[in-house]
Amino acid sequence: MLAASRDGLEGLTIGTLAEQMRMSKSGVFAHFGSREELQLAVLKEYVNRFVAEVLRPAVRKPRGLPRLKAILQRWVAFLAREMTRGCIMIAGAFEYDDVPGPLRDEMVKIITGWKGEVTKAIRYSAAEGHLRPGVDAHQLVFEIYGLMLAMHQDARLLRSADSAKRARAGLRRLIDAARAIE
């Protein structure tokens, strides 16, 4: 997964993995069958790790704002740890945005599913009275996602050391603006 984080899924090859695992190319090929299957397996494993580190612990929090905040805090922490290597999901979204095929389809499914989870947490927050009634969950997810993309770009491309801090501040402002009047 390190090679895919560093070089993108397109940089991941049977040969690279065979070298890292100290296996023969034919042994790796026998396990995965194709480079595309290897890339899909790496992507799915990355997503499993993301879900285990971000979503599962957050859904143990009470519905509403505690859960939404936990999702956002854990997401920022996850991305902050990934910044030295790169986030496969964010990089993959750019790699495959215009490339039809199974990798793009999987990437769309993953991102759509994740945005759906964040949307659900926002709606629960509104239903619990923590966010104002009628808050536009899709707009809020769009803005949250934008902050995460900005955090990634600032950290990776611009080498900004404070990108996670800035993302957290932006998320606080978004949530505060959507809060119900107490």
Foldseek 3Di string as FASTA:
>chain_A
DLQCLAVNLVSDDLVVVCVVVVHDSVVSCVVQVHSVSVSVVVVVVLLVVLCVQAVPVLVVDDQAPSSLVSNLVSVLVVQVVSLVRHRNLLVLCVVCVPPDDDSNVVSCVSVVVVLVVSLVSNVRNCVVQFFPPPDPSNVLSVVLVVLVSVLSCCCRVVVDPCSSVVSVVSNVVSSVVGGHDD
